[in-house]
């Protein structure tokens, strides 16, 4: 049985948002650039509050930015 994971579309969304930088997203979401890097790479799952803030930056529903991947 594999590990379940939260996957995200942040990198793709940044690209389609005028090639937004990780730093710009971090500033708008109220976190550090390192936090955005870790979330993008899948090394860190954001809190629910942060996930909503990131989705709001892109004007997308939460489920278009983050998905739960069940590896059973």
C-alpha atoms as a PDB file:
ATOM      1  CA  UNK A   1       0.000   0.000   0.000  1.00  0.00           C
ATOM      2  CA  UNK A   2       1.468   3.362  -1.078  1.00  0.00           C
ATOM      3  CA  UNK A   3       1.357   6.677   0.669  1.00  0.00           C
ATOM      4  CA  UNK A   4      -1.636   8.909  -0.065  1.00  0.00           C
ATOM      5  CA  UNK A   5      -0.723  12.382  -1.244  1.00  0.00           C
ATOM      6  CA  UNK A   6      -2.040  15.844  -1.864  1.00  0.00           C
ATOM      7  CA  UNK A   7      -1.057  16.892  -5.373  1.00  0.00           C
ATOM      8  CA  UNK A   8      -1.324  20.407  -6.731  1.00  0.00           C
ATOM      9  CA  UNK A   9      -1.438  22.451  -9.911  1.00  0.00           C
ATOM     10  CA  UNK A  10       0.409  25.473  -8.526  1.00  0.00           C
ATOM     11  CA  UNK A  11       3.284  25.487 -11.006  1.00  0.00           C
ATOM     12  CA  UNK A  12       0.911  25.243 -13.968  1.00  0.00           C
ATOM     13  CA  UNK A  13      -1.381  27.927 -12.540  1.00  0.00           C
ATOM     14  CA  UNK A  14       1.565  30.268 -11.921  1.00  0.00           C
ATOM     15  CA  UNK A  15       2.671  29.836 -15.536  1.00  0.00           C
ATOM     16  CA  UNK A  16      -0.811  30.683 -16.817  1.00  0.00           C
ATOM     17  CA  UNK A  17      -1.031  33.665 -14.458  1.00  0.00           C
ATOM     18  CA  UNK A  18       1.436  35.836 -16.389  1.00  0.00           C
ATOM     19  CA  UNK A  19       4.310  33.561 -15.343  1.00  0.00           C
ATOM     20  CA  UNK A  20       3.858  34.519 -11.691  1.00  0.00           C
ATOM     21  CA  UNK A  21       6.964  33.846  -9.624  1.00  0.00           C
ATOM     22  CA  UNK A  22       6.988  31.765  -6.471  1.00  0.00           C
ATOM     23  CA  UNK A  23       7.889  34.936  -4.579  1.00  0.00           C
ATOM     24  CA  UNK A  24       4.862  36.815  -5.965  1.00  0.00           C
ATOM     25  CA  UNK A  25       2.545  33.965  -5.002  1.00  0.00           C
ATOM     26  CA  UNK A  26       4.116  33.766  -1.553  1.00  0.00           C
ATOM     27  CA  UNK A  27       3.576  37.482  -0.958  1.00  0.00           C
ATOM     28  CA  UNK A  28      -0.066  37.300  -2.038  1.00  0.00           C
ATOM     29  CA  UNK A  29      -0.711  34.191   0.069  1.00  0.00           C
ATOM     30  CA  UNK A  30       1.137  35.573   3.106  1.00  0.00           C
ATOM     31  CA  UNK A  31       3.871  32.927   3.334  1.00  0.00           C
ATOM     32  CA  UNK A  32       7.536  32.587   2.433  1.00  0.00           C
ATOM     33  CA  UNK A  33       8.808  31.582  -0.990  1.00  0.00           C
ATOM     34  CA  UNK A  34      10.289  28.458   0.617  1.00  0.00           C
ATOM     35  CA  UNK A  35       6.793  27.412   1.711  1.00  0.00           C
ATOM     36  CA  UNK A  36       5.534  27.698  -1.870  1.00  0.00           C
ATOM     37  CA  UNK A  37       8.542  25.696  -3.125  1.00  0.00           C
ATOM     38  CA  UNK A  38       7.834  22.911  -0.618  1.00  0.00           C
ATOM     39  CA  UNK A  39       4.129  22.789  -1.489  1.00  0.00           C
ATOM     40  CA  UNK A  40       4.821  22.755  -5.245  1.00  0.00           C
ATOM     41  CA  UNK A  41       7.284  19.868  -4.865  1.00  0.00           C
ATOM     42  CA  UNK A  42       4.813  17.905  -2.757  1.00  0.00           C
ATOM     43  CA  UNK A  43       7.108  17.929   0.265  1.00  0.00           C
ATOM     44  CA  UNK A  44       4.589  19.845   2.386  1.00  0.00           C
ATOM     45  CA  UNK A  45       0.803  19.811   2.513  1.00  0.00           C
ATOM     46  CA  UNK A  46      -0.614  23.248   3.301  1.00  0.00           C
ATOM     47  CA  UNK A  47      -3.108  23.916   6.044  1.00  0.00           C
ATOM     48  CA  UNK A  48      -6.682  24.201   4.870  1.00  0.00           C
ATOM     49  CA  UNK A  49      -6.554  27.964   5.426  1.00  0.00           C
ATOM     50  CA  UNK A  50      -3.410  28.344   3.300  1.00  0.00           C
ATOM     51  CA  UNK A  51      -4.827  26.103   0.581  1.00  0.00           C
ATOM     52  CA  UNK A  52      -7.872  28.390   0.348  1.00  0.00           C
ATOM     53  CA  UNK A  53      -5.657  31.504   0.265  1.00  0.00           C
ATOM     54  CA  UNK A  54      -3.598  30.057  -2.594  1.00  0.00           C
ATOM     55  CA  UNK A  55      -6.729  29.080  -4.532  1.00  0.00           C
ATOM     56  CA  UNK A  56      -8.111  32.596  -4.006  1.00  0.00           C
ATOM     57  CA  UNK A  57      -4.946  34.143  -5.501  1.00  0.00           C
ATOM     58  CA  UNK A  58      -5.667  32.231  -8.713  1.00  0.00           C
ATOM     59  CA  UNK A  59      -9.415  32.806  -8.573  1.00  0.00           C
ATOM     60  CA  UNK A  60      -9.989  29.047  -8.645  1.00  0.00           C
ATOM     61  CA  UNK A  61     -11.971  26.643  -6.477  1.00  0.00           C
ATOM     62  CA  UNK A  62      -9.846  24.678  -4.038  1.00  0.00           C
ATOM     63  CA  UNK A  63     -10.312  21.401  -5.928  1.00  0.00           C
ATOM     64  CA  UNK A  64      -8.831  22.902  -9.107  1.00  0.00           C
ATOM     65  CA  UNK A  65      -5.623  23.745  -7.257  1.00  0.00           C
ATOM     66  CA  UNK A  66      -5.288  20.749  -4.898  1.00  0.00           C
ATOM     67  CA  UNK A  67      -6.330  17.131  -5.343  1.00  0.00           C
ATOM     68  CA  UNK A  68      -6.165  14.134  -3.029  1.00  0.00           C
ATOM     69  CA  UNK A  69      -4.481  11.163  -4.666  1.00  0.00           C
ATOM     70  CA  UNK A  70      -5.534   7.853  -3.123  1.00  0.00           C
ATOM     71  CA  UNK A  71      -2.805   5.284  -3.837  1.00  0.00           C
ATOM     72  CA  UNK A  72      -4.689   2.182  -2.690  1.00  0.00           C
END
